[in-house]
Amino acid sequence: MFRQMYKQARTHPSLIPLFVFILTGSAGASMYLMRLALRNPDVSWDRKNNPEPWNKIPPTGQYKLYAVNTDYSKLKKDRPDF
């Protein structure tokens, strides 16, 4: 695949920005999916040792990538301990 892209880029240099944007977008989407799969508390890969990973997050812990107007340090605990 990369050999073919390299061959086309040599013959048509105007395609280089297109290839750069496609590769950058693919890498960004892959990294975001990896972050969702590994860092999201709703996803549980180890069900034997930690069946409910969302209970380990403190009430002031931020797990979202981007929080609009939310100060997590001022939140109070609103869930029971198990």
PDB file of N, CA and C in Angstrom:
ATOM      1  N   MET A   1       0.817  -1.178   0.000  1.00  0.00           N
ATOM      2  CA  MET A   1       0.000   0.000   0.000  1.00  0.00           C
ATOM      3  C   MET A   1       0.874   1.260   0.000  1.00  0.00           C
ATOM      4  N   PHE A   2       1.882   1.294   0.888  1.00  0.00           N
ATOM      5  CA  PHE A   2       2.735   2.473   0.955  1.00  0.00           C
ATOM      6  C   PHE A   2       3.607   2.602  -0.279  1.00  0.00           C
ATOM      7  N   ARG A   3       3.991   1.472  -0.850  1.00  0.00           N
ATOM      8  CA  ARG A   3       4.803   1.513  -2.073  1.00  0.00           C
ATOM      9  C   ARG A   3       3.999   2.138  -3.208  1.00  0.00           C
ATOM     10  N   GLN A   4       2.716   1.789  -3.272  1.00  0.00           N
ATOM     11  CA  GLN A   4       1.862   2.339  -4.314  1.00  0.00           C
ATOM     12  C   GLN A   4       1.640   3.846  -4.089  1.00  0.00           C
ATOM     13  N   MET A   5       1.455   4.244  -2.815  1.00  0.00           N
ATOM     14  CA  MET A   5       1.294   5.664  -2.519  1.00  0.00           C
ATOM     15  C   MET A   5       2.565   6.434  -2.863  1.00  0.00           C
ATOM     16  N   TYR A   6       3.721   5.847  -2.567  1.00  0.00           N
ATOM     17  CA  TYR A   6       4.995   6.498  -2.876  1.00  0.00           C
ATOM     18  C   TYR A   6       5.156   6.668  -4.386  1.00  0.00           C
ATOM     19  N   LYS A   7       4.769   5.649  -5.134  1.00  0.00           N
ATOM     20  CA  LYS A   7       4.882   5.706  -6.593  1.00  0.00           C
ATOM     21  C   LYS A   7       3.964   6.795  -7.158  1.00  0.00           C
ATOM     22  N   GLN A   8       2.743   6.887  -6.638  1.00  0.00           N
ATOM     23  CA  GLN A   8       1.816   7.911  -7.111  1.00  0.00           C
ATOM     24  C   GLN A   8       2.278   9.307  -6.696  1.00  0.00           C
ATOM     25  N   ALA A   9       2.860   9.421  -5.495  1.00  0.00           N
ATOM     26  CA  ALA A   9       3.326  10.728  -5.032  1.00  0.00           C
ATOM     27  C   ALA A   9       4.498  11.219  -5.868  1.00  0.00           C
ATOM     28  N   ARG A  10       5.320  10.299  -6.352  1.00  0.00           N
ATOM     29  CA  ARG A  10       6.443  10.724  -7.208  1.00  0.00           C
ATOM     30  C   ARG A  10       5.959  11.198  -8.561  1.00  0.00           C
ATOM     31  N   THR A  11       4.918  10.561  -9.080  1.00  0.00           N
ATOM     32  CA  THR A  11       4.427  10.974 -10.400  1.00  0.00           C
ATOM     33  C   THR A  11       3.487  12.177 -10.314  1.00  0.00           C
ATOM     34  N   HIS A  12       2.751  12.301  -9.197  1.00  0.00           N
ATOM     35  CA  HIS A  12       1.827  13.423  -9.005  1.00  0.00           C
ATOM     36  C   HIS A  12       2.104  14.060  -7.642  1.00  0.00           C
ATOM     37  N   PRO A  13       3.014  15.012  -7.552  1.00  0.00           N
ATOM     38  CA  PRO A  13       3.375  15.609  -6.258  1.00  0.00           C
ATOM     39  C   PRO A  13       2.224  16.355  -5.582  1.00  0.00           C
ATOM     40  N   SER A  14       1.206  16.712  -6.324  1.00  0.00           N
ATOM     41  CA  SER A  14       0.082  17.426  -5.711  1.00  0.00           C
ATOM     42  C   SER A  14      -0.752  16.512  -4.819  1.00  0.00           C
ATOM     43  N   LEU A  15      -0.537  15.198  -4.878  1.00  0.00           N
ATOM     44  CA  LEU A  15      -1.270  14.264  -4.028  1.00  0.00           C
ATOM     45  C   LEU A  15      -0.635  14.101  -2.646  1.00  0.00           C
ATOM     46  N   ILE A  16       0.548  14.646  -2.438  1.00  0.00           N
ATOM     47  CA  ILE A  16       1.249  14.480  -1.160  1.00  0.00           C
ATOM     48  C   ILE A  16       0.434  15.033   0.013  1.00  0.00           C
ATOM     49  N   PRO A  17      -0.156  16.240  -0.063  1.00  0.00           N
ATOM     50  CA  PRO A  17      -0.972  16.707   1.068  1.00  0.00           C
ATOM     51  C   PRO A  17      -2.169  15.792   1.357  1.00  0.00           C
ATOM     52  N   LEU A  18      -2.763  15.241   0.321  1.00  0.00           N
ATOM     53  CA  LEU A  18      -3.878  14.312   0.518  1.00  0.00           C
ATOM     54  C   LEU A  18      -3.431  13.090   1.298  1.00  0.00           C
ATOM     55  N   PHE A  19      -2.305  12.520   0.930  1.00  0.00           N
ATOM     56  CA  PHE A  19      -1.785  11.349   1.638  1.00  0.00           C
ATOM     57  C   PHE A  19      -1.430  11.701   3.089  1.00  0.00           C
ATOM     58  N   VAL A  20      -0.881  12.885   3.309  1.00  0.00           N
ATOM     59  CA  VAL A  20      -0.517  13.299   4.663  1.00  0.00           C
ATOM     60  C   VAL A  20      -1.773  13.423   5.529  1.00  0.00           C
ATOM     61  N   PHE A  21      -2.817  14.056   4.999  1.00  0.00           N
ATOM     62  CA  PHE A  21      -4.044  14.221   5.772  1.00  0.00           C
ATOM     63  C   PHE A  21      -4.742  12.889   6.023  1.00  0.00           C
ATOM     64  N   ILE A  22      -4.736  11.999   5.052  1.00  0.00           N
ATOM     65  CA  ILE A  22      -5.361  10.686   5.241  1.00  0.00           C
ATOM     66  C   ILE A  22      -4.611   9.889   6.301  1.00  0.00           C
ATOM     67  N   LEU A  23      -3.288   9.885   6.245  1.00  0.00           N
ATOM     68  CA  LEU A  23      -2.508   9.146   7.243  1.00  0.00           C
ATOM     69  C   LEU A  23      -2.643   9.767   8.632  1.00  0.00           C
ATOM     70  N   THR A  24      -2.658  11.095   8.706  1.00  0.00           N
ATOM     71  CA  THR A  24      -2.817  11.764  10.001  1.00  0.00           C
ATOM     72  C   THR A  24      -4.197  11.487  10.593  1.00  0.00           C
ATOM     73  N   GLY A  25      -5.227  11.538   9.783  1.00  0.00           N
ATOM     74  CA  GLY A  25      -6.580  11.246  10.258  1.00  0.00           C
ATOM     75  C   GLY A  25      -6.731   9.807  10.703  1.00  0.00           C
ATOM     76  N   SER A  26      -6.139   8.892   9.953  1.00  0.00           N
ATOM     77  CA  SER A  26      -6.203   7.480  10.336  1.00  0.00           C
ATOM     78  C   SER A  26      -5.459   7.229  11.651  1.00  0.00           C
ATOM     79  N   ALA A  27      -4.321   7.849  11.806  1.00  0.00           N
ATOM     80  CA  ALA A  27      -3.559   7.683  13.049  1.00  0.00           C
ATOM     81  C   ALA A  27      -4.304   8.294  14.230  1.00  0.00           C
ATOM     82  N   GLY A  28      -4.891   9.450  14.042  1.00  0.00           N
ATOM     83  CA  GLY A  28      -5.652  10.087  15.116  1.00  0.00           C
ATOM     84  C   GLY A  28      -6.876   9.275  15.515  1.00  0.00           C
ATOM     85  N   ALA A  29      -7.596   8.744  14.523  1.00  0.00           N
ATOM     86  CA  ALA A  29      -8.768   7.922  14.826  1.00  0.00           C
ATOM     87  C   ALA A  29      -8.367   6.642  15.544  1.00  0.00           C
ATOM     88  N   SER A  30      -7.258   6.048  15.140  1.00  0.00           N
ATOM     89  CA  SER A  30      -6.782   4.833  15.803  1.00  0.00           C
ATOM     90  C   SER A  30      -6.368   5.112  17.241  1.00  0.00           C
ATOM     91  N   MET A  31      -5.678   6.234  17.458  1.00  0.00           N
ATOM     92  CA  MET A  31      -5.257   6.579  18.819  1.00  0.00           C
ATOM     93  C   MET A  31      -6.465   6.867  19.705  1.00  0.00           C
ATOM     94  N   TYR A  32      -7.489   7.508  19.163  1.00  0.00           N
ATOM     95  CA  TYR A  32      -8.685   7.802  19.947  1.00  0.00           C
ATOM     96  C   TYR A  32      -9.432   6.515  20.298  1.00  0.00           C
ATOM     97  N   LEU A  33      -9.512   5.580  19.372  1.00  0.00           N
ATOM     98  CA  LEU A  33     -10.149   4.291  19.669  1.00  0.00           C
ATOM     99  C   LEU A  33      -9.375   3.518  20.723  1.00  0.00           C
ATOM    100  N   MET A  34      -8.048   3.588  20.665  1.00  0.00           N
ATOM    101  CA  MET A  34      -7.235   2.933  21.698  1.00  0.00           C
ATOM    102  C   MET A  34      -7.477   3.588  23.062  1.00  0.00           C
ATOM    103  N   ARG A  35      -7.597   4.906  23.087  1.00  0.00           N
ATOM    104  CA  ARG A  35      -7.861   5.598  24.343  1.00  0.00           C
ATOM    105  C   ARG A  35      -9.217   5.200  24.891  1.00  0.00           C
ATOM    106  N   LEU A  36     -10.227   5.108  24.043  1.00  0.00           N
ATOM    107  CA  LEU A  36     -11.542   4.686  24.499  1.00  0.00           C
ATOM    108  C   LEU A  36     -11.518   3.258  25.031  1.00  0.00           C
ATOM    109  N   ALA A  37     -10.780   2.395  24.376  1.00  0.00           N
ATOM    110  CA  ALA A  37     -10.750   0.995  24.778  1.00  0.00           C
ATOM    111  C   ALA A  37      -9.950   0.776  26.054  1.00  0.00           C
ATOM    112  N   LEU A  38      -8.939   1.586  26.304  1.00  0.00           N
ATOM    113  CA  LEU A  38      -8.057   1.338  27.444  1.00  0.00           C
ATOM    114  C   LEU A  38      -8.311   2.251  28.641  1.00  0.00           C
ATOM    115  N   ARG A  39      -8.786   3.461  28.431  1.00  0.00           N
ATOM    116  CA  ARG A  39      -8.903   4.428  29.520  1.00  0.00           C
ATOM    117  C   ARG A  39     -10.330   4.704  29.970  1.00  0.00           C
ATOM    118  N   ASN A  40     -11.328   4.288  29.236  1.00  0.00           N
ATOM    119  CA  ASN A  40     -12.713   4.563  29.578  1.00  0.00           C
ATOM    120  C   ASN A  40     -13.156   3.655  30.721  1.00  0.00           C
ATOM    121  N   PRO A  41     -13.757   4.196  31.777  1.00  0.00           N
ATOM    122  CA  PRO A  41     -14.160   3.347  32.903  1.00  0.00           C
ATOM    123  C   PRO A  41     -15.354   2.457  32.601  1.00  0.00           C
ATOM    124  N   ASP A  42     -16.062   2.706  31.525  1.00  0.00           N
ATOM    125  CA  ASP A  42     -17.198   1.862  31.174  1.00  0.00           C
ATOM    126  C   ASP A  42     -16.770   0.563  30.506  1.00  0.00           C
ATOM    127  N   VAL A  43     -15.524   0.475  30.091  1.00  0.00           N
ATOM    128  CA  VAL A  43     -15.018  -0.716  29.420  1.00  0.00           C
ATOM    129  C   VAL A  43     -14.271  -1.569  30.445  1.00  0.00           C
ATOM    130  N   SER A  44     -14.629  -2.837  30.523  1.00  0.00           N
ATOM    131  CA  SER A  44     -13.995  -3.743  31.485  1.00  0.00           C
ATOM    132  C   SER A  44     -13.362  -4.906  30.737  1.00  0.00           C
ATOM    133  N   TRP A  45     -12.030  -4.944  30.716  1.00  0.00           N
ATOM    134  CA  TRP A  45     -11.320  -6.043  30.068  1.00  0.00           C
ATOM    135  C   TRP A  45     -11.036  -7.170  31.055  1.00  0.00           C
ATOM    136  N   ASP A  46     -10.946  -6.849  32.342  1.00  0.00           N
ATOM    137  CA  ASP A  46     -10.626  -7.835  33.371  1.00  0.00           C
ATOM    138  C   ASP A  46     -11.852  -8.012  34.270  1.00  0.00           C
ATOM    139  N   ARG A  47     -12.732  -8.917  33.897  1.00  0.00           N
ATOM    140  CA  ARG A  47     -13.985  -9.074  34.638  1.00  0.00           C
ATOM    141  C   ARG A  47     -13.834  -9.912  35.894  1.00  0.00           C
ATOM    142  N   LYS A  48     -12.767 -10.684  36.019  1.00  0.00           N
ATOM    143  CA  LYS A  48     -12.577 -11.505  37.206  1.00  0.00           C
ATOM    144  C   LYS A  48     -12.114 -10.670  38.394  1.00  0.00           C
ATOM    145  N   ASN A  49     -11.126  -9.808  38.190  1.00  0.00           N
ATOM    146  CA  ASN A  49     -10.556  -9.021  39.281  1.00  0.00           C
ATOM    147  C   ASN A  49     -11.256  -7.687  39.495  1.00  0.00           C
ATOM    148  N   ASN A  50     -11.824  -7.135  38.442  1.00  0.00           N
ATOM    149  CA  ASN A  50     -12.442  -5.813  38.541  1.00  0.00           C
ATOM    150  C   ASN A  50     -13.711  -5.777  37.684  1.00  0.00           C
ATOM    151  N   PRO A  51     -14.828  -6.347  38.173  1.00  0.00           N
ATOM    152  CA  PRO A  51     -16.027  -6.398  37.335  1.00  0.00           C
ATOM    153  C   PRO A  51     -16.714  -5.042  37.173  1.00  0.00           C
ATOM    154  N   GLU A  52     -16.484  -4.100  38.086  1.00  0.00           N
ATOM    155  CA  GLU A  52     -17.105  -2.777  38.003  1.00  0.00           C
ATOM    156  C   GLU A  52     -16.024  -1.691  38.119  1.00  0.00           C
ATOM    157  N   PRO A  53     -15.320  -1.392  37.033  1.00  0.00           N
ATOM    158  CA  PRO A  53     -14.205  -0.439  37.107  1.00  0.00           C
ATOM    159  C   PRO A  53     -14.647   0.994  37.373  1.00  0.00           C
ATOM    160  N   TRP A  54     -15.884   1.326  37.110  1.00  0.00           N
ATOM    161  CA  TRP A  54     -16.346   2.693  37.313  1.00  0.00           C
ATOM    162  C   TRP A  54     -16.450   3.036  38.800  1.00  0.00           C
ATOM    163  N   ASN A  55     -16.448   2.032  39.683  1.00  0.00           N
ATOM    164  CA  ASN A  55     -16.489   2.318  41.119  1.00  0.00           C
ATOM    165  C   ASN A  55     -15.134   2.752  41.658  1.00  0.00           C
ATOM    166  N   LYS A  56     -14.062   2.527  40.931  1.00  0.00           N
ATOM    167  CA  LYS A  56     -12.726   2.922  41.378  1.00  0.00           C
ATOM    168  C   LYS A  56     -12.417   4.391  41.116  1.00  0.00           C
ATOM    169  N   ILE A  57     -13.189   5.036  40.263  1.00  0.00           N
ATOM    170  CA  ILE A  57     -12.925   6.430  39.920  1.00  0.00           C
ATOM    171  C   ILE A  57     -13.437   7.322  41.044  1.00  0.00           C
ATOM    172  N   PRO A  58     -12.603   8.224  41.541  1.00  0.00           N
ATOM    173  CA  PRO A  58     -13.088   9.142  42.572  1.00  0.00           C
ATOM    174  C   PRO A  58     -14.100  10.126  41.981  1.00  0.00           C
ATOM    175  N   PRO A  59     -14.975  10.699  42.800  1.00  0.00           N
ATOM    176  CA  PRO A  59     -15.975  11.622  42.265  1.00  0.00           C
ATOM    177  C   PRO A  59     -15.362  12.870  41.641  1.00  0.00           C
ATOM    178  N   THR A  60     -14.142  13.210  42.028  1.00  0.00           N
ATOM    179  CA  THR A  60     -13.503  14.395  41.458  1.00  0.00           C
ATOM    180  C   THR A  60     -12.574  14.038  40.304  1.00  0.00           C
ATOM    181  N   GLY A  61     -12.551  12.794  39.873  1.00  0.00           N
ATOM    182  CA  GLY A  61     -11.663  12.380  38.793  1.00  0.00           C
ATOM    183  C   GLY A  61     -12.262  12.655  37.426  1.00  0.00           C
ATOM    184  N   GLN A  62     -11.479  13.225  36.550  1.00  0.00           N
ATOM    185  CA  GLN A  62     -11.935  13.510  35.196  1.00  0.00           C
ATOM    186  C   GLN A  62     -11.499  12.379  34.290  1.00  0.00           C
ATOM    187  N   TYR A  63     -12.429  11.777  33.584  1.00  0.00           N
ATOM    188  CA  TYR A  63     -12.083  10.734  32.643  1.00  0.00           C
ATOM    189  C   TYR A  63     -12.486  11.084  31.224  1.00  0.00           C
ATOM    190  N   LYS A  64     -13.186  12.192  31.039  1.00  0.00           N
ATOM    191  CA  LYS A  64     -13.563  12.618  29.699  1.00  0.00           C
ATOM    192  C   LYS A  64     -12.378  13.291  29.020  1.00  0.00           C
ATOM    193  N   LEU A  65     -12.345  13.231  27.709  1.00  0.00           N
ATOM    194  CA  LEU A  65     -11.272  13.871  26.964  1.00  0.00           C
ATOM    195  C   LEU A  65     -11.389  15.383  27.046  1.00  0.00           C
ATOM    196  N   TYR A  66     -12.605  15.887  26.941  1.00  0.00           N
ATOM    197  CA  TYR A  66     -12.832  17.324  26.975  1.00  0.00           C
ATOM    198  C   TYR A  66     -14.100  17.585  27.767  1.00  0.00           C
ATOM    199  N   ALA A  67     -14.014  18.351  28.819  1.00  0.00           N
ATOM    200  CA  ALA A  67     -15.165  18.689  29.652  1.00  0.00           C
ATOM    201  C   ALA A  67     -15.436  20.185  29.528  1.00  0.00           C
ATOM    202  N   VAL A  68     -16.639  20.530  29.135  1.00  0.00           N
ATOM    203  CA  VAL A  68     -17.009  21.925  28.950  1.00  0.00           C
ATOM    204  C   VAL A  68     -17.552  22.474  30.266  1.00  0.00           C
ATOM    205  N   ASN A  69     -16.883  23.484  30.795  1.00  0.00           N
ATOM    206  CA  ASN A  69     -17.320  24.209  32.001  1.00  0.00           C
ATOM    207  C   ASN A  69     -17.599  23.293  33.190  1.00  0.00           C
ATOM    208  N   THR A  70     -16.800  22.285  33.408  1.00  0.00           N
ATOM    209  CA  THR A  70     -16.974  21.397  34.547  1.00  0.00           C
ATOM    210  C   THR A  70     -15.702  21.407  35.378  1.00  0.00           C
ATOM    211  N   ASP A  71     -15.837  21.811  36.629  1.00  0.00           N
ATOM    212  CA  ASP A  71     -14.710  21.798  37.554  1.00  0.00           C
ATOM    213  C   ASP A  71     -14.851  20.551  38.422  1.00  0.00           C
ATOM    214  N   TYR A  72     -14.079  19.531  38.122  1.00  0.00           N
ATOM    215  CA  TYR A  72     -14.217  18.250  38.797  1.00  0.00           C
ATOM    216  C   TYR A  72     -13.742  18.288  40.246  1.00  0.00           C
ATOM    217  N   SER A  73     -12.979  19.280  40.615  1.00  0.00           N
ATOM    218  CA  SER A  73     -12.490  19.340  41.990  1.00  0.00           C
ATOM    219  C   SER A  73     -13.586  19.765  42.964  1.00  0.00           C
ATOM    220  N   LYS A  74     -14.651  20.369  42.492  1.00  0.00           N
ATOM    221  CA  LYS A  74     -15.729  20.836  43.363  1.00  0.00           C
ATOM    222  C   LYS A  74     -16.913  19.879  43.427  1.00  0.00           C
ATOM    223  N   LEU A  75     -16.856  18.768  42.735  1.00  0.00           N
ATOM    224  CA  LEU A  75     -17.963  17.817  42.756  1.00  0.00           C
ATOM    225  C   LEU A  75     -17.972  17.038  44.062  1.00  0.00           C
ATOM    226  N   LYS A  76     -19.178  16.705  44.520  1.00  0.00           N
ATOM    227  CA  LYS A  76     -19.319  15.901  45.731  1.00  0.00           C
ATOM    228  C   LYS A  76     -19.660  14.471  45.351  1.00  0.00           C
ATOM    229  N   LYS A  77     -19.408  13.580  46.273  1.00  0.00           N
ATOM    230  CA  LYS A  77     -19.699  12.168  46.032  1.00  0.00           C
ATOM    231  C   LYS A  77     -21.201  11.955  46.031  1.00  0.00           C
ATOM    232  N   ASP A  78     -21.725  11.365  44.965  1.00  0.00           N
ATOM    233  CA  ASP A  78     -23.164  11.161  44.859  1.00  0.00           C
ATOM    234  C   ASP A  78     -23.556   9.697  44.678  1.00  0.00           C
ATOM    235  N   ARG A  79     -22.649   8.798  45.012  1.00  0.00           N
ATOM    236  CA  ARG A  79     -22.952   7.380  44.845  1.00  0.00           C
ATOM    237  C   ARG A  79     -22.539   6.624  46.123  1.00  0.00           C
ATOM    238  N   PRO A  80     -23.181   5.511  46.379  1.00  0.00           N
ATOM    239  CA  PRO A  80     -22.868   4.760  47.601  1.00  0.00           C
ATOM    240  C   PRO A  80     -21.605   3.910  47.447  1.00  0.00           C
ATOM    241  N   ASP A  81     -21.005   3.566  48.574  1.00  0.00           N
ATOM    242  CA  ASP A  81     -19.860   2.649  48.572  1.00  0.00           C
ATOM    243  C   ASP A  81     -20.368   1.213  48.603  1.00  0.00           C
ATOM    244  N   PHE A  82     -19.704   0.352  47.855  1.00  0.00           N
ATOM    245  CA  PHE A  82     -20.066  -1.063  47.860  1.00  0.00           C
ATOM    246  C   PHE A  82     -18.926  -1.874  48.400  1.00  0.00           C
TER     247      PHE A  82
END
